[in-house]
Amino acid sequence: MTGYLGSYATLGLLLLAAVLFFVTAFSANRVLRPSRPAEPWGKRTTYECGIDPVGGDWAQMQIRYYVYAYLYVLFAVEAVFLFPWALVFDRPGFGATTVVEMGVFVAIVALGILYAWRRGVLRWT
C-alpha cells in the first residue's frame, strides 16, 4: 500500500487480524470445552509437595526480601556501567574528564549505599 495513509492501513489490517485471532481462539475454547467440567474433591486445595496443607492459605511475606532484591538489581546494573568505562579508560582522549565523571558516578552509588545503610534497610534482623 502506498500513499499517505498506506502504513496506517497496514497497521489497521494487522490489528484486525490480531483481534480476529483472539476472538476465534476464545470461541473455539468455549465450543470445545466440556459442558460440565469435573470437580473432584481437593482440586482447589493448596498443593505442598504431596504433603497435606497445614494452616491457612494466607502467608505474608516480609518486605525486606523485596528490598534486598531491589537493591541487588540496582547496584548490579550500576556495576555494569563500570566495565565499559574500564575498557575505554586507557585510550587516548579519555583522560581526567572520564576519571571525574566516574568519580561522580561512584560517589552517587556510595551515597545510595550509605543512605540504605543509615536507614537500616541492610539490617537483616
PDB file of N, CA and C in Angstrom:
ATOM      1  N   MET A   1       0.840  -1.175   0.000  1.00  0.00           N
ATOM      2  CA  MET A   1       0.000   0.000   0.000  1.00  0.00           C
ATOM      3  C   MET A   1       0.889   1.243   0.000  1.00  0.00           C
ATOM      4  N   THR A   2       0.533   2.131  -0.841  1.00  0.00           N
ATOM      5  CA  THR A   2       1.320   3.353  -0.951  1.00  0.00           C
ATOM      6  C   THR A   2       0.446   4.530  -0.582  1.00  0.00           C
ATOM      7  N   GLY A   3       1.059   5.677  -0.520  1.00  0.00           N
ATOM      8  CA  GLY A   3       0.317   6.884  -0.201  1.00  0.00           C
ATOM      9  C   GLY A   3       0.490   7.274   1.249  1.00  0.00           C
ATOM     10  N   TYR A   4      -0.212   8.334   1.586  1.00  0.00           N
ATOM     11  CA  TYR A   4      -0.070   8.914   2.920  1.00  0.00           C
ATOM     12  C   TYR A   4      -0.594   7.983   4.013  1.00  0.00           C
ATOM     13  N   LEU A   5      -1.726   7.347   3.782  1.00  0.00           N
ATOM     14  CA  LEU A   5      -2.344   6.503   4.807  1.00  0.00           C
ATOM     15  C   LEU A   5      -2.034   5.018   4.618  1.00  0.00           C
ATOM     16  N   GLY A   6      -1.101   4.694   3.755  1.00  0.00           N
ATOM     17  CA  GLY A   6      -0.777   3.296   3.482  1.00  0.00           C
ATOM     18  C   GLY A   6      -0.254   2.553   4.690  1.00  0.00           C
ATOM     19  N   SER A   7       0.633   3.172   5.452  1.00  0.00           N
ATOM     20  CA  SER A   7       1.189   2.499   6.628  1.00  0.00           C
ATOM     21  C   SER A   7       0.129   2.331   7.712  1.00  0.00           C
ATOM     22  N   TYR A   8      -0.804   3.280   7.787  1.00  0.00           N
ATOM     23  CA  TYR A   8      -1.882   3.140   8.772  1.00  0.00           C
ATOM     24  C   TYR A   8      -2.838   2.025   8.376  1.00  0.00           C
ATOM     25  N   ALA A   9      -3.063   1.848   7.083  1.00  0.00           N
ATOM     26  CA  ALA A   9      -3.917   0.756   6.623  1.00  0.00           C
ATOM     27  C   ALA A   9      -3.272  -0.592   6.951  1.00  0.00           C
ATOM     28  N   THR A  10      -1.968  -0.691   6.784  1.00  0.00           N
ATOM     29  CA  THR A  10      -1.259  -1.920   7.136  1.00  0.00           C
ATOM     30  C   THR A  10      -1.380  -2.199   8.630  1.00  0.00           C
ATOM     31  N   LEU A  11      -1.201  -1.181   9.445  1.00  0.00           N
ATOM     32  CA  LEU A  11      -1.345  -1.344  10.888  1.00  0.00           C
ATOM     33  C   LEU A  11      -2.773  -1.746  11.251  1.00  0.00           C
ATOM     34  N   GLY A  12      -3.757  -1.131  10.597  1.00  0.00           N
ATOM     35  CA  GLY A  12      -5.157  -1.475  10.862  1.00  0.00           C
ATOM     36  C   GLY A  12      -5.465  -2.918  10.497  1.00  0.00           C
ATOM     37  N   LEU A  13      -4.936  -3.390   9.371  1.00  0.00           N
ATOM     38  CA  LEU A  13      -5.148  -4.785   8.977  1.00  0.00           C
ATOM     39  C   LEU A  13      -4.478  -5.744   9.956  1.00  0.00           C
ATOM     40  N   LEU A  14      -3.315  -5.390  10.432  1.00  0.00           N
ATOM     41  CA  LEU A  14      -2.623  -6.226  11.413  1.00  0.00           C
ATOM     42  C   LEU A  14      -3.408  -6.294  12.718  1.00  0.00           C
ATOM     43  N   LEU A  15      -3.918  -5.161  13.190  1.00  0.00           N
ATOM     44  CA  LEU A  15      -4.724  -5.158  14.407  1.00  0.00           C
ATOM     45  C   LEU A  15      -6.017  -5.947  14.222  1.00  0.00           C
ATOM     46  N   LEU A  16      -6.640  -5.831  13.056  1.00  0.00           N
ATOM     47  CA  LEU A  16      -7.852  -6.595  12.769  1.00  0.00           C
ATOM     48  C   LEU A  16      -7.569  -8.095  12.770  1.00  0.00           C
ATOM     49  N   ALA A  17      -6.449  -8.500  12.189  1.00  0.00           N
ATOM     50  CA  ALA A  17      -6.069  -9.917  12.201  1.00  0.00           C
ATOM     51  C   ALA A  17      -5.822 -10.404  13.621  1.00  0.00           C
ATOM     52  N   ALA A  18      -5.209  -9.572  14.446  1.00  0.00           N
ATOM     53  CA  ALA A  18      -4.951  -9.967  15.834  1.00  0.00           C
ATOM     54  C   ALA A  18      -6.257 -10.124  16.604  1.00  0.00           C
ATOM     55  N   VAL A  19      -7.191  -9.212  16.411  1.00  0.00           N
ATOM     56  CA  VAL A  19      -8.488  -9.307  17.096  1.00  0.00           C
ATOM     57  C   VAL A  19      -9.260 -10.533  16.623  1.00  0.00           C
ATOM     58  N   LEU A  20      -9.239 -10.793  15.319  1.00  0.00           N
ATOM     59  CA  LEU A  20      -9.915 -11.979  14.802  1.00  0.00           C
ATOM     60  C   LEU A  20      -9.304 -13.263  15.346  1.00  0.00           C
ATOM     61  N   PHE A  21      -7.992 -13.320  15.440  1.00  0.00           N
ATOM     62  CA  PHE A  21      -7.332 -14.496  16.008  1.00  0.00           C
ATOM     63  C   PHE A  21      -7.738 -14.685  17.466  1.00  0.00           C
ATOM     64  N   PHE A  22      -7.776 -13.588  18.221  1.00  0.00           N
ATOM     65  CA  PHE A  22      -8.160 -13.643  19.628  1.00  0.00           C
ATOM     66  C   PHE A  22      -9.588 -14.153  19.788  1.00  0.00           C
ATOM     67  N   VAL A  23     -10.508 -13.589  19.027  1.00  0.00           N
ATOM     68  CA  VAL A  23     -11.919 -13.987  19.118  1.00  0.00           C
ATOM     69  C   VAL A  23     -12.092 -15.437  18.678  1.00  0.00           C
ATOM     70  N   THR A  24     -11.401 -15.856  17.621  1.00  0.00           N
ATOM     71  CA  THR A  24     -11.502 -17.232  17.143  1.00  0.00           C
ATOM     72  C   THR A  24     -10.977 -18.218  18.176  1.00  0.00           C
ATOM     73  N   ALA A  25      -9.851 -17.903  18.803  1.00  0.00           N
ATOM     74  CA  ALA A  25      -9.270 -18.809  19.795  1.00  0.00           C
ATOM     75  C   ALA A  25     -10.185 -18.957  21.005  1.00  0.00           C
ATOM     76  N   PHE A  26     -10.734 -17.863  21.494  1.00  0.00           N
ATOM     77  CA  PHE A  26     -11.601 -17.958  22.662  1.00  0.00           C
ATOM     78  C   PHE A  26     -12.947 -18.594  22.320  1.00  0.00           C
ATOM     79  N   SER A  27     -13.436 -18.381  21.101  1.00  0.00           N
ATOM     80  CA  SER A  27     -14.682 -19.035  20.691  1.00  0.00           C
ATOM     81  C   SER A  27     -14.480 -20.535  20.555  1.00  0.00           C
ATOM     82  N   ALA A  28     -13.357 -20.951  19.987  1.00  0.00           N
ATOM     83  CA  ALA A  28     -13.063 -22.383  19.875  1.00  0.00           C
ATOM     84  C   ALA A  28     -12.920 -23.008  21.256  1.00  0.00           C
ATOM     85  N   ASN A  29     -12.355 -22.293  22.184  1.00  0.00           N
ATOM     86  CA  ASN A  29     -12.221 -22.808  23.542  1.00  0.00           C
ATOM     87  C   ASN A  29     -13.594 -23.032  24.168  1.00  0.00           C
ATOM     88  N   ARG A  30     -14.502 -22.095  23.970  1.00  0.00           N
ATOM     89  CA  ARG A  30     -15.837 -22.219  24.557  1.00  0.00           C
ATOM     90  C   ARG A  30     -16.615 -23.358  23.908  1.00  0.00           C
ATOM     91  N   VAL A  31     -16.443 -23.558  22.605  1.00  0.00           N
ATOM     92  CA  VAL A  31     -17.185 -24.605  21.901  1.00  0.00           C
ATOM     93  C   VAL A  31     -16.633 -25.988  22.234  1.00  0.00           C
ATOM     94  N   LEU A  32     -15.332 -26.120  22.354  1.00  0.00           N
ATOM     95  CA  LEU A  32     -14.707 -27.434  22.522  1.00  0.00           C
ATOM     96  C   LEU A  32     -14.571 -27.897  23.964  1.00  0.00           C
ATOM     97  N   ARG A  33     -14.799 -27.047  24.920  1.00  0.00           N
ATOM     98  CA  ARG A  33     -14.625 -27.459  26.318  1.00  0.00           C
ATOM     99  C   ARG A  33     -15.783 -28.355  26.747  1.00  0.00           C
ATOM    100  N   PRO A  34     -15.591 -29.135  27.813  1.00  0.00           N
ATOM    101  CA  PRO A  34     -16.696 -29.943  28.332  1.00  0.00           C
ATOM    102  C   PRO A  34     -17.795 -29.036  28.892  1.00  0.00           C
ATOM    103  N   SER A  35     -19.037 -29.481  28.765  1.00  0.00           N
ATOM    104  CA  SER A  35     -20.136 -28.633  29.225  1.00  0.00           C
ATOM    105  C   SER A  35     -20.207 -28.586  30.747  1.00  0.00           C
ATOM    106  N   ARG A  36     -19.837 -29.674  31.407  1.00  0.00           N
ATOM    107  CA  ARG A  36     -19.826 -29.701  32.874  1.00  0.00           C
ATOM    108  C   ARG A  36     -18.465 -30.214  33.325  1.00  0.00           C
ATOM    109  N   PRO A  37     -17.518 -29.335  33.559  1.00  0.00           N
ATOM    110  CA  PRO A  37     -16.197 -29.799  33.982  1.00  0.00           C
ATOM    111  C   PRO A  37     -16.276 -30.530  35.317  1.00  0.00           C
ATOM    112  N   ALA A  38     -15.468 -31.536  35.471  1.00  0.00           N
ATOM    113  CA  ALA A  38     -15.457 -32.344  36.700  1.00  0.00           C
ATOM    114  C   ALA A  38     -14.864 -31.539  37.842  1.00  0.00           C
ATOM    115  N   GLU A  39     -15.393 -31.722  39.018  1.00  0.00           N
ATOM    116  CA  GLU A  39     -14.887 -31.080  40.239  1.00  0.00           C
ATOM    117  C   GLU A  39     -14.539 -32.159  41.249  1.00  0.00           C
ATOM    118  N   PRO A  40     -13.414 -32.851  41.058  1.00  0.00           N
ATOM    119  CA  PRO A  40     -13.070 -33.865  42.066  1.00  0.00           C
ATOM    120  C   PRO A  40     -12.718 -33.209  43.397  1.00  0.00           C
ATOM    121  N   TRP A  41     -12.820 -34.001  44.477  1.00  0.00           N
ATOM    122  CA  TRP A  41     -12.524 -33.483  45.795  1.00  0.00           C
ATOM    123  C   TRP A  41     -11.058 -33.078  45.866  1.00  0.00           C
ATOM    124  N   GLY A  42     -10.810 -31.933  46.428  1.00  0.00           N
ATOM    125  CA  GLY A  42      -9.446 -31.478  46.631  1.00  0.00           C
ATOM    126  C   GLY A  42      -8.813 -30.827  45.426  1.00  0.00           C
ATOM    127  N   LYS A  43      -9.571 -30.568  44.387  1.00  0.00           N
ATOM    128  CA  LYS A  43      -8.979 -29.976  43.199  1.00  0.00           C
ATOM    129  C   LYS A  43      -8.489 -28.557  43.454  1.00  0.00           C
ATOM    130  N   ARG A  44      -9.166 -27.830  44.316  1.00  0.00           N
ATOM    131  CA  ARG A  44      -8.798 -26.444  44.565  1.00  0.00           C
ATOM    132  C   ARG A  44      -8.048 -26.243  45.876  1.00  0.00           C
ATOM    133  N   THR A  45      -7.557 -27.297  46.482  1.00  0.00           N
ATOM    134  CA  THR A  45      -6.780 -27.139  47.708  1.00  0.00           C
ATOM    135  C   THR A  45      -5.330 -26.817  47.361  1.00  0.00           C
ATOM    136  N   THR A  46      -4.650 -26.247  48.320  1.00  0.00           N
ATOM    137  CA  THR A  46      -3.254 -25.886  48.121  1.00  0.00           C
ATOM    138  C   THR A  46      -2.404 -27.147  48.037  1.00  0.00           C
ATOM    139  N   TYR A  47      -1.477 -27.162  47.102  1.00  0.00           N
ATOM    140  CA  TYR A  47      -0.582 -28.302  46.934  1.00  0.00           C
ATOM    141  C   TYR A  47       0.781 -27.954  47.512  1.00  0.00           C
ATOM    142  N   GLU A  48       1.238 -28.754  48.453  1.00  0.00           N
ATOM    143  CA  GLU A  48       2.534 -28.521  49.092  1.00  0.00           C
ATOM    144  C   GLU A  48       3.402 -29.765  48.970  1.00  0.00           C
ATOM    145  N   CYS A  49       3.853 -30.061  47.796  1.00  0.00           N
ATOM    146  CA  CYS A  49       4.798 -31.148  47.535  1.00  0.00           C
ATOM    147  C   CYS A  49       4.285 -32.498  48.023  1.00  0.00           C
ATOM    148  N   GLY A  50       3.013 -32.758  47.869  1.00  0.00           N
ATOM    149  CA  GLY A  50       2.465 -34.044  48.252  1.00  0.00           C
ATOM    150  C   GLY A  50       2.100 -34.156  49.712  1.00  0.00           C
ATOM    151  N   ILE A  51       2.346 -33.149  50.500  1.00  0.00           N
ATOM    152  CA  ILE A  51       2.022 -33.162  51.924  1.00  0.00           C
ATOM    153  C   ILE A  51       0.705 -32.426  52.106  1.00  0.00           C
ATOM    154  N   ASP A  52      -0.123 -32.905  53.028  1.00  0.00           N
ATOM    155  CA  ASP A  52      -1.385 -32.223  53.286  1.00  0.00           C
ATOM    156  C   ASP A  52      -1.109 -30.808  53.767  1.00  0.00           C
ATOM    157  N   PRO A  53      -1.876 -29.844  53.278  1.00  0.00           N
ATOM    158  CA  PRO A  53      -1.654 -28.454  53.678  1.00  0.00           C
ATOM    159  C   PRO A  53      -1.898 -28.247  55.167  1.00  0.00           C
ATOM    160  N   VAL A  54      -1.059 -27.404  55.762  1.00  0.00           N
ATOM    161  CA  VAL A  54      -1.170 -27.093  57.182  1.00  0.00           C
ATOM    162  C   VAL A  54      -1.407 -25.601  57.308  1.00  0.00           C
ATOM    163  N   GLY A  55      -2.399 -25.214  58.090  1.00  0.00           N
ATOM    164  CA  GLY A  55      -2.669 -23.800  58.301  1.00  0.00           C
ATOM    165  C   GLY A  55      -3.498 -23.215  57.183  1.00  0.00           C
ATOM    166  N   GLY A  56      -3.617 -21.897  57.219  1.00  0.00           N
ATOM    167  CA  GLY A  56      -4.417 -21.203  56.226  1.00  0.00           C
ATOM    168  C   GLY A  56      -3.655 -20.966  54.935  1.00  0.00           C
ATOM    169  N   ASP A  57      -4.326 -20.359  53.993  1.00  0.00           N
ATOM    170  CA  ASP A  57      -3.696 -20.100  52.710  1.00  0.00           C
ATOM    171  C   ASP A  57      -3.099 -18.704  52.619  1.00  0.00           C
ATOM    172  N   TRP A  58      -3.139 -17.917  53.684  1.00  0.00           N
ATOM    173  CA  TRP A  58      -2.599 -16.568  53.691  1.00  0.00           C
ATOM    174  C   TRP A  58      -1.228 -16.580  54.349  1.00  0.00           C
ATOM    175  N   ALA A  59      -0.210 -16.242  53.596  1.00  0.00           N
ATOM    176  CA  ALA A  59       1.145 -16.163  54.126  1.00  0.00           C
ATOM    177  C   ALA A  59       1.709 -14.810  53.725  1.00  0.00           C
ATOM    178  N   GLN A  60       2.013 -13.991  54.691  1.00  0.00           N
ATOM    179  CA  GLN A  60       2.503 -12.653  54.400  1.00  0.00           C
ATOM    180  C   GLN A  60       4.025 -12.676  54.320  1.00  0.00           C
ATOM    181  N   MET A  61       4.549 -12.151  53.221  1.00  0.00           N
ATOM    182  CA  MET A  61       5.995 -12.077  53.051  1.00  0.00           C
ATOM    183  C   MET A  61       6.499 -10.774  53.651  1.00  0.00           C
ATOM    184  N   GLN A  62       7.699 -10.821  54.163  1.00  0.00           N
ATOM    185  CA  GLN A  62       8.278  -9.601  54.715  1.00  0.00           C
ATOM    186  C   GLN A  62       8.867  -8.767  53.589  1.00  0.00           C
ATOM    187  N   ILE A  63       8.762  -7.479  53.732  1.00  0.00           N
ATOM    188  CA  ILE A  63       9.179  -6.551  52.688  1.00  0.00           C
ATOM    189  C   ILE A  63      10.688  -6.546  52.501  1.00  0.00           C
ATOM    190  N   ARG A  64      11.444  -6.963  53.498  1.00  0.00           N
ATOM    191  CA  ARG A  64      12.899  -6.860  53.375  1.00  0.00           C
ATOM    192  C   ARG A  64      13.461  -7.761  52.281  1.00  0.00           C
ATOM    193  N   TYR A  65      12.782  -8.859  51.954  1.00  0.00           N
ATOM    194  CA  TYR A  65      13.248  -9.700  50.853  1.00  0.00           C
ATOM    195  C   TYR A  65      13.194  -8.925  49.541  1.00  0.00           C
ATOM    196  N   TYR A  66      12.116  -8.196  49.343  1.00  0.00           N
ATOM    197  CA  TYR A  66      11.978  -7.410  48.129  1.00  0.00           C
ATOM    198  C   TYR A  66      12.968  -6.250  48.113  1.00  0.00           C
ATOM    199  N   VAL A  67      13.229  -5.659  49.255  1.00  0.00           N
ATOM    200  CA  VAL A  67      14.173  -4.549  49.324  1.00  0.00           C
ATOM    201  C   VAL A  67      15.576  -5.039  48.982  1.00  0.00           C
ATOM    202  N   TYR A  68      15.951  -6.201  49.507  1.00  0.00           N
ATOM    203  CA  TYR A  68      17.261  -6.754  49.172  1.00  0.00           C
ATOM    204  C   TYR A  68      17.361  -7.056  47.675  1.00  0.00           C
ATOM    205  N   ALA A  69      16.312  -7.625  47.115  1.00  0.00           N
ATOM    206  CA  ALA A  69      16.334  -7.926  45.682  1.00  0.00           C
ATOM    207  C   ALA A  69      16.418  -6.649  44.866  1.00  0.00           C
ATOM    208  N   TYR A  70      15.668  -5.624  45.262  1.00  0.00           N
ATOM    209  CA  TYR A  70      15.695  -4.355  44.548  1.00  0.00           C
ATOM    210  C   TYR A  70      17.079  -3.709  44.634  1.00  0.00           C
ATOM    211  N   LEU A  71      17.665  -3.709  45.823  1.00  0.00           N
ATOM    212  CA  LEU A  71      18.995  -3.117  45.969  1.00  0.00           C
ATOM    213  C   LEU A  71      20.040  -3.891  45.181  1.00  0.00           C
ATOM    214  N   TYR A  72      19.912  -5.219  45.153  1.00  0.00           N
ATOM    215  CA  TYR A  72      20.860  -6.012  44.386  1.00  0.00           C
ATOM    216  C   TYR A  72      20.772  -5.666  42.901  1.00  0.00           C
ATOM    217  N   VAL A  73      19.559  -5.629  42.371  1.00  0.00           N
ATOM    218  CA  VAL A  73      19.391  -5.316  40.949  1.00  0.00           C
ATOM    219  C   VAL A  73      19.901  -3.911  40.661  1.00  0.00           C
ATOM    220  N   LEU A  74      19.589  -2.980  41.541  1.00  0.00           N
ATOM    221  CA  LEU A  74      20.015  -1.593  41.345  1.00  0.00           C
ATOM    222  C   LEU A  74      21.533  -1.484  41.277  1.00  0.00           C
ATOM    223  N   PHE A  75      22.224  -2.067  42.234  1.00  0.00           N
ATOM    224  CA  PHE A  75      23.675  -1.937  42.263  1.00  0.00           C
ATOM    225  C   PHE A  75      24.356  -2.855  41.252  1.00  0.00           C
ATOM    226  N   ALA A  76      23.729  -3.950  40.869  1.00  0.00           N
ATOM    227  CA  ALA A  76      24.298  -4.792  39.812  1.00  0.00           C
ATOM    228  C   ALA A  76      24.247  -4.070  38.474  1.00  0.00           C
ATOM    229  N   VAL A  77      23.150  -3.380  38.214  1.00  0.00           N
ATOM    230  CA  VAL A  77      23.047  -2.620  36.970  1.00  0.00           C
ATOM    231  C   VAL A  77      24.050  -1.468  36.974  1.00  0.00           C
ATOM    232  N   GLU A  78      24.218  -0.827  38.106  1.00  0.00           N
ATOM    233  CA  GLU A  78      25.198   0.250  38.175  1.00  0.00           C
ATOM    234  C   GLU A  78      26.619  -0.276  38.022  1.00  0.00           C
ATOM    235  N   ALA A  79      26.871  -1.478  38.508  1.00  0.00           N
ATOM    236  CA  ALA A  79      28.208  -2.062  38.340  1.00  0.00           C
ATOM    237  C   ALA A  79      28.477  -2.389  36.876  1.00  0.00           C
ATOM    238  N   VAL A  80      27.433  -2.676  36.114  1.00  0.00           N
ATOM    239  CA  VAL A  80      27.610  -2.959  34.688  1.00  0.00           C
ATOM    240  C   VAL A  80      28.162  -1.738  33.961  1.00  0.00           C
ATOM    241  N   PHE A  81      27.831  -0.549  34.441  1.00  0.00           N
ATOM    242  CA  PHE A  81      28.337   0.673  33.796  1.00  0.00           C
ATOM    243  C   PHE A  81      29.831   0.873  34.050  1.00  0.00           C
ATOM    244  N   LEU A  82      30.398   0.202  35.033  1.00  0.00           N
ATOM    245  CA  LEU A  82      31.823   0.350  35.314  1.00  0.00           C
ATOM    246  C   LEU A  82      32.698  -0.380  34.289  1.00  0.00           C
ATOM    247  N   PHE A  83      32.213  -1.475  33.732  1.00  0.00           N
ATOM    248  CA  PHE A  83      33.031  -2.262  32.821  1.00  0.00           C
ATOM    249  C   PHE A  83      33.340  -1.540  31.517  1.00  0.00           C
ATOM    250  N   PRO A  84      32.368  -0.931  30.833  1.00  0.00           N
ATOM    251  CA  PRO A  84      32.746  -0.193  29.610  1.00  0.00           C
ATOM    252  C   PRO A  84      33.681   0.972  29.910  1.00  0.00           C
ATOM    253  N   TRP A  85      33.479   1.608  31.043  1.00  0.00           N
ATOM    254  CA  TRP A  85      34.361   2.705  31.414  1.00  0.00           C
ATOM    255  C   TRP A  85      35.782   2.192  31.601  1.00  0.00           C
ATOM    256  N   ALA A  86      35.932   1.046  32.236  1.00  0.00           N
ATOM    257  CA  ALA A  86      37.270   0.494  32.458  1.00  0.00           C
ATOM    258  C   ALA A  86      37.935   0.096  31.147  1.00  0.00           C
ATOM    259  N   LEU A  87      37.147  -0.287  30.154  1.00  0.00           N
ATOM    260  CA  LEU A  87      37.725  -0.687  28.877  1.00  0.00           C
ATOM    261  C   LEU A  87      38.223   0.495  28.059  1.00  0.00           C
ATOM    262  N   VAL A  88      37.562   1.637  28.146  1.00  0.00           N
ATOM    263  CA  VAL A  88      37.960   2.779  27.332  1.00  0.00           C
ATOM    264  C   VAL A  88      38.821   3.773  28.104  1.00  0.00           C
ATOM    265  N   PHE A  89      39.086   3.507  29.347  1.00  0.00           N
ATOM    266  CA  PHE A  89      39.818   4.464  30.169  1.00  0.00           C
ATOM    267  C   PHE A  89      41.232   4.712  29.665  1.00  0.00           C
ATOM    268  N   ASP A  90      41.911   3.663  29.198  1.00  0.00           N
ATOM    269  CA  ASP A  90      43.310   3.837  28.803  1.00  0.00           C
ATOM    270  C   ASP A  90      43.465   4.328  27.365  1.00  0.00           C
ATOM    271  N   ARG A  91      42.414   4.532  26.624  1.00  0.00           N
ATOM    272  CA  ARG A  91      42.512   5.034  25.255  1.00  0.00           C
ATOM    273  C   ARG A  91      42.824   6.524  25.259  1.00  0.00           C
ATOM    274  N   PRO A  92      43.454   6.988  24.214  1.00  0.00           N
ATOM    275  CA  PRO A  92      43.776   8.419  24.149  1.00  0.00           C
ATOM    276  C   PRO A  92      42.492   9.263  24.059  1.00  0.00           C
ATOM    277  N   GLY A  93      42.496  10.387  24.719  1.00  0.00           N
ATOM    278  CA  GLY A  93      41.358  11.292  24.701  1.00  0.00           C
ATOM    279  C   GLY A  93      40.390  11.084  25.852  1.00  0.00           C
ATOM    280  N   PHE A  94      40.587  10.050  26.633  1.00  0.00           N
ATOM    281  CA  PHE A  94      39.736   9.783  27.791  1.00  0.00           C
ATOM    282  C   PHE A  94      40.562   9.950  29.054  1.00  0.00           C
ATOM    283  N   GLY A  95      40.918  11.145  29.349  1.00  0.00           N
ATOM    284  CA  GLY A  95      41.814  11.397  30.465  1.00  0.00           C
ATOM    285  C   GLY A  95      41.096  11.765  31.737  1.00  0.00           C
ATOM    286  N   ALA A  96      41.367  12.960  32.222  1.00  0.00           N
ATOM    287  CA  ALA A  96      40.857  13.407  33.518  1.00  0.00           C
ATOM    288  C   ALA A  96      39.340  13.549  33.522  1.00  0.00           C
ATOM    289  N   THR A  97      38.766  13.840  32.372  1.00  0.00           N
ATOM    290  CA  THR A  97      37.307  14.009  32.322  1.00  0.00           C
ATOM    291  C   THR A  97      36.594  12.709  32.686  1.00  0.00           C
ATOM    292  N   THR A  98      37.066  11.605  32.163  1.00  0.00           N
ATOM    293  CA  THR A  98      36.423  10.336  32.482  1.00  0.00           C
ATOM    294  C   THR A  98      36.636   9.944  33.925  1.00  0.00           C
ATOM    295  N   VAL A  99      37.769  10.276  34.478  1.00  0.00           N
ATOM    296  CA  VAL A  99      38.008   9.974  35.893  1.00  0.00           C
ATOM    297  C   VAL A  99      37.041  10.767  36.764  1.00  0.00           C
ATOM    298  N   VAL A 100      36.841  12.042  36.430  1.00  0.00           N
ATOM    299  CA  VAL A 100      35.918  12.877  37.205  1.00  0.00           C
ATOM    300  C   VAL A 100      34.483  12.365  37.050  1.00  0.00           C
ATOM    301  N   GLU A 101      34.083  12.025  35.826  1.00  0.00           N
ATOM    302  CA  GLU A 101      32.731  11.509  35.617  1.00  0.00           C
ATOM    303  C   GLU A 101      32.495  10.228  36.397  1.00  0.00           C
ATOM    304  N   MET A 102      33.469   9.323  36.365  1.00  0.00           N
ATOM    305  CA  MET A 102      33.295   8.070  37.103  1.00  0.00           C
ATOM    306  C   MET A 102      33.366   8.305  38.600  1.00  0.00           C
ATOM    307  N   GLY A 103      34.149   9.273  39.027  1.00  0.00           N
ATOM    308  CA  GLY A 103      34.171   9.609  40.450  1.00  0.00           C
ATOM    309  C   GLY A 103      32.818  10.108  40.927  1.00  0.00           C
ATOM    310  N   VAL A 104      32.158  10.941  40.114  1.00  0.00           N
ATOM    311  CA  VAL A 104      30.813  11.412  40.461  1.00  0.00           C
ATOM    312  C   VAL A 104      29.838  10.240  40.484  1.00  0.00           C
ATOM    313  N   PHE A 105      29.941   9.363  39.511  1.00  0.00           N
ATOM    314  CA  PHE A 105      29.057   8.199  39.463  1.00  0.00           C
ATOM    315  C   PHE A 105      29.242   7.301  40.677  1.00  0.00           C
ATOM    316  N   VAL A 106      30.482   6.987  41.003  1.00  0.00           N
ATOM    317  CA  VAL A 106      30.754   6.132  42.168  1.00  0.00           C
ATOM    318  C   VAL A 106      30.338   6.832  43.458  1.00  0.00           C
ATOM    319  N   ALA A 107      30.476   8.146  43.524  1.00  0.00           N
ATOM    320  CA  ALA A 107      30.035   8.880  44.714  1.00  0.00           C
ATOM    321  C   ALA A 107      28.520   8.792  44.880  1.00  0.00           C
ATOM    322  N   ILE A 108      27.787   8.878  43.795  1.00  0.00           N
ATOM    323  CA  ILE A 108      26.326   8.753  43.880  1.00  0.00           C
ATOM    324  C   ILE A 108      25.945   7.342  44.312  1.00  0.00           C
ATOM    325  N   VAL A 109      26.621   6.328  43.778  1.00  0.00           N
ATOM    326  CA  VAL A 109      26.352   4.952  44.196  1.00  0.00           C
ATOM    327  C   VAL A 109      26.692   4.772  45.674  1.00  0.00           C
ATOM    328  N   ALA A 110      27.817   5.332  46.103  1.00  0.00           N
ATOM    329  CA  ALA A 110      28.201   5.235  47.515  1.00  0.00           C
ATOM    330  C   ALA A 110      27.197   5.952  48.411  1.00  0.00           C
ATOM    331  N   LEU A 111      26.683   7.096  47.961  1.00  0.00           N
ATOM    332  CA  LEU A 111      25.646   7.783  48.737  1.00  0.00           C
ATOM    333  C   LEU A 111      24.377   6.941  48.846  1.00  0.00           C
ATOM    334  N   GLY A 112      24.028   6.219  47.781  1.00  0.00           N
ATOM    335  CA  GLY A 112      22.868   5.329  47.823  1.00  0.00           C
ATOM    336  C   GLY A 112      23.053   4.202  48.820  1.00  0.00           C
ATOM    337  N   ILE A 113      24.232   3.601  48.825  1.00  0.00           N
ATOM    338  CA  ILE A 113      24.512   2.537  49.796  1.00  0.00           C
ATOM    339  C   ILE A 113      24.523   3.098  51.208  1.00  0.00           C
ATOM    340  N   LEU A 114      25.138   4.259  51.396  1.00  0.00           N
ATOM    341  CA  LEU A 114      25.172   4.885  52.713  1.00  0.00           C
ATOM    342  C   LEU A 114      23.763   5.221  53.205  1.00  0.00           C
ATOM    343  N   TYR A 115      22.931   5.739  52.322  1.00  0.00           N
ATOM    344  CA  TYR A 115      21.553   6.057  52.690  1.00  0.00           C
ATOM    345  C   TYR A 115      20.794   4.794  53.114  1.00  0.00           C
ATOM    346  N   ALA A 116      20.936   3.698  52.340  1.00  0.00           N
ATOM    347  CA  ALA A 116      20.263   2.440  52.688  1.00  0.00           C
ATOM    348  C   ALA A 116      20.790   1.898  54.010  1.00  0.00           C
ATOM    349  N   TRP A 117      22.083   2.042  54.249  1.00  0.00           N
ATOM    350  CA  TRP A 117      22.667   1.547  55.489  1.00  0.00           C
ATOM    351  C   TRP A 117      22.197   2.373  56.682  1.00  0.00           C
ATOM    352  N   ARG A 118      22.160   3.691  56.534  1.00  0.00           N
ATOM    353  CA  ARG A 118      21.741   4.563  57.631  1.00  0.00           C
ATOM    354  C   ARG A 118      20.258   4.392  57.966  1.00  0.00           C
ATOM    355  N   ARG A 119      19.452   4.071  56.965  1.00  0.00           N
ATOM    356  CA  ARG A 119      18.020   3.872  57.197  1.00  0.00           C
ATOM    357  C   ARG A 119      17.742   2.508  57.802  1.00  0.00           C
ATOM    358  N   GLY A 120      18.742   1.651  57.885  1.00  0.00           N
ATOM    359  CA  GLY A 120      18.574   0.314  58.468  1.00  0.00           C
ATOM    360  C   GLY A 120      18.000  -0.695  57.501  1.00  0.00           C
ATOM    361  N   VAL A 121      18.035  -0.389  56.208  1.00  0.00           N
ATOM    362  CA  VAL A 121      17.482  -1.295  55.220  1.00  0.00           C
ATOM    363  C   VAL A 121      18.341  -2.543  55.108  1.00  0.00           C
ATOM    364  N   LEU A 122      19.636  -2.418  55.293  1.00  0.00           N
ATOM    365  CA  LEU A 122      20.543  -3.542  55.128  1.00  0.00           C
ATOM    366  C   LEU A 122      20.673  -4.411  56.377  1.00  0.00           C
ATOM    367  N   ARG A 123      19.957  -4.062  57.424  1.00  0.00           N
ATOM    368  CA  ARG A 123      19.981  -4.859  58.647  1.00  0.00           C
ATOM    369  C   ARG A 123      18.991  -6.007  58.495  1.00  0.00           C
ATOM    370  N   TRP A 124      19.441  -7.234  58.683  1.00  0.00           N
ATOM    371  CA  TRP A 124      18.577  -8.386  58.439  1.00  0.00           C
ATOM    372  C   TRP A 124      17.601  -8.634  59.585  1.00  0.00           C
ATOM    373  N   THR A 125      17.998  -8.413  60.804  1.00  0.00           N
ATOM    374  CA  THR A 125      17.093  -8.692  61.935  1.00  0.00           C
ATOM    375  C   THR A 125      16.480  -7.443  62.488  1.00  0.00           C
TER     376      THR A 125
END
